[in-house]
C-alpha cells in the first residue's frame, strides 16, 4: 500500500504521496533524456530537495506561487513519506561529487 501524509501549512492542505519504484525509475529516465536546460532555482533552492521532487510527490499544482517558508514543511513531509527516494538521491549526489573531484585531480 502506498504511504501518504496530509499536512497543513500556512492555511493550505497538502497531500504528500510515496512514489512507486516505477515512478522513480521513469523520472530518472526522463532526467537523463531531457534535462538540457538547467533551472538553478528548480534544482538548488533547497539543500535537501528539488522542486521537481516536491511537485511529483504532492498535489501542489503551482509551486511558483508558494514561498520557500511555505514549502519547508512540505519538503519535511516528502522526506518522511519517501525516505528511500531521498537516500538514493543523496547517494547519487555523493557519487557525482566524487567523480568530479577525481576528474579535477587528473
Protein backbone atom coordinates (compact mmCIF):
# COMPACT_ATOMS: atom_id res chain seq x y z
CA UNK A 1 0.00 0.00 0.00
CA UNK A 2 1.28 3.45 -0.91
CA UNK A 3 2.03 5.71 2.07
CA UNK A 4 0.76 9.25 2.19
CA UNK A 5 0.53 12.13 4.62
CA UNK A 6 -1.68 15.19 4.69
CA UNK A 7 -0.26 18.33 6.27
CA UNK A 8 -1.40 21.89 6.86
CA UNK A 9 0.97 24.72 6.04
CA UNK A 10 0.04 28.37 6.07
CA UNK A 11 -3.66 27.56 5.80
CA UNK A 12 -3.18 25.17 2.85
CA UNK A 13 -3.77 21.42 2.95
CA UNK A 14 -1.18 19.37 1.05
CA UNK A 15 -1.17 15.63 0.41
CA UNK A 16 2.25 14.00 0.07
CA UNK A 17 2.35 10.59 -1.60
CA UNK A 18 5.01 7.92 -1.72
CA UNK A 19 6.48 7.39 -5.18
CA UNK A 20 6.43 3.89 -6.62
CA UNK A 21 9.60 2.23 -7.86
CA UNK A 22 8.27 2.59 -11.40
CA UNK A 23 7.60 6.31 -10.96
CA UNK A 24 11.14 6.85 -9.65
CA UNK A 25 12.65 4.81 -12.50
CA UNK A 26 10.62 6.67 -15.16
CA UNK A 27 11.53 10.04 -13.63
CA UNK A 28 15.26 9.24 -13.65
CA UNK A 29 14.99 8.15 -17.30
CA UNK A 30 13.26 11.46 -18.14
CA UNK A 31 16.04 13.41 -16.41
CA UNK A 32 18.77 11.77 -18.47
CA UNK A 33 16.95 12.41 -21.74
CA UNK A 34 15.50 15.91 -21.44
CA UNK A 35 17.47 17.90 -18.86
CA UNK A 36 19.38 20.04 -21.35
CA UNK A 37 18.33 23.35 -19.78
CA UNK A 38 19.39 23.62 -16.15
CA UNK A 39 16.98 25.58 -13.94
CA UNK A 40 19.03 26.75 -10.96
CA UNK A 41 16.02 27.62 -8.80
CA UNK A 42 14.28 24.32 -9.54
CA UNK A 43 17.34 22.30 -8.56
CA UNK A 44 19.16 24.40 -5.96
CA UNK A 45 16.67 26.50 -3.96
CA UNK A 46 16.70 23.91 -1.17
CA UNK A 47 19.69 21.89 0.05
CA UNK A 48 17.78 18.69 0.63
CA UNK A 49 15.20 18.58 -2.17
CA UNK A 50 14.43 19.98 -5.58
CA UNK A 51 11.15 21.40 -6.78
CA UNK A 52 10.64 18.54 -9.25
CA UNK A 53 10.54 16.11 -6.34
CA UNK A 54 8.08 18.27 -4.42
CA UNK A 55 5.85 18.54 -7.49
CA UNK A 56 5.85 14.82 -8.13
CA UNK A 57 5.25 13.86 -4.51
CA UNK A 58 2.46 16.32 -3.70
CA UNK A 59 -0.81 17.61 -5.00
CA UNK A 60 0.57 21.17 -5.26
CA UNK A 61 -0.17 22.39 -8.78
CA UNK A 62 1.72 25.70 -8.97
CA UNK A 63 4.92 25.69 -6.94
CA UNK A 64 5.80 29.16 -8.25
CA UNK A 65 3.00 30.58 -6.09
CA UNK A 66 4.48 29.17 -2.87
CA UNK A 67 7.17 30.79 -0.74
CA UNK A 68 10.20 28.84 0.45
CA UNK A 69 8.96 29.08 4.05
CA UNK A 70 5.64 27.53 2.99
CA UNK A 71 7.46 24.72 1.18
CA UNK A 72 9.82 23.78 4.02
CA UNK A 73 7.23 21.74 5.98
CA UNK A 74 6.10 20.17 2.70
CA UNK A 75 9.67 19.06 1.99
CA UNK A 76 9.93 17.62 5.50
CA UNK A 77 6.78 15.58 4.80
CA UNK A 78 8.17 14.50 1.41
CA UNK A 79 11.33 13.23 3.14
CA UNK A 80 9.24 11.40 5.76
CA UNK A 81 6.99 9.71 3.21
CA UNK A 82 9.76 8.96 0.64
CA UNK A 83 12.88 8.10 2.68
CA UNK A 84 14.22 5.60 0.12
CA UNK A 85 13.98 8.12 -2.70
CA UNK A 86 15.90 10.74 -0.72
CA UNK A 87 18.52 8.18 0.37
CA UNK A 88 19.05 7.29 -3.30
CA UNK A 89 19.23 10.98 -4.21
CA UNK A 90 21.84 11.58 -1.51
CA UNK A 91 23.95 8.61 -2.68
CA UNK A 92 23.82 9.77 -6.29
CA UNK A 93 24.85 13.30 -5.32
CA UNK A 94 27.76 11.95 -3.26
CA UNK A 95 28.87 9.75 -6.15
CA UNK A 96 28.64 12.69 -8.55
CA UNK A 97 30.79 14.86 -6.29
CA UNK A 98 33.40 12.09 -6.02
CA UNK A 99 33.54 11.74 -9.81
CA UNK A 100 34.00 15.49 -10.23
CA UNK A 101 36.72 15.55 -7.57
CA UNK A 102 38.52 12.66 -9.25
CA UNK A 103 38.38 14.38 -12.63
CA UNK A 104 39.69 17.61 -11.13
CA UNK A 105 42.64 15.73 -9.63
CA UNK A 106 43.74 14.40 -13.03
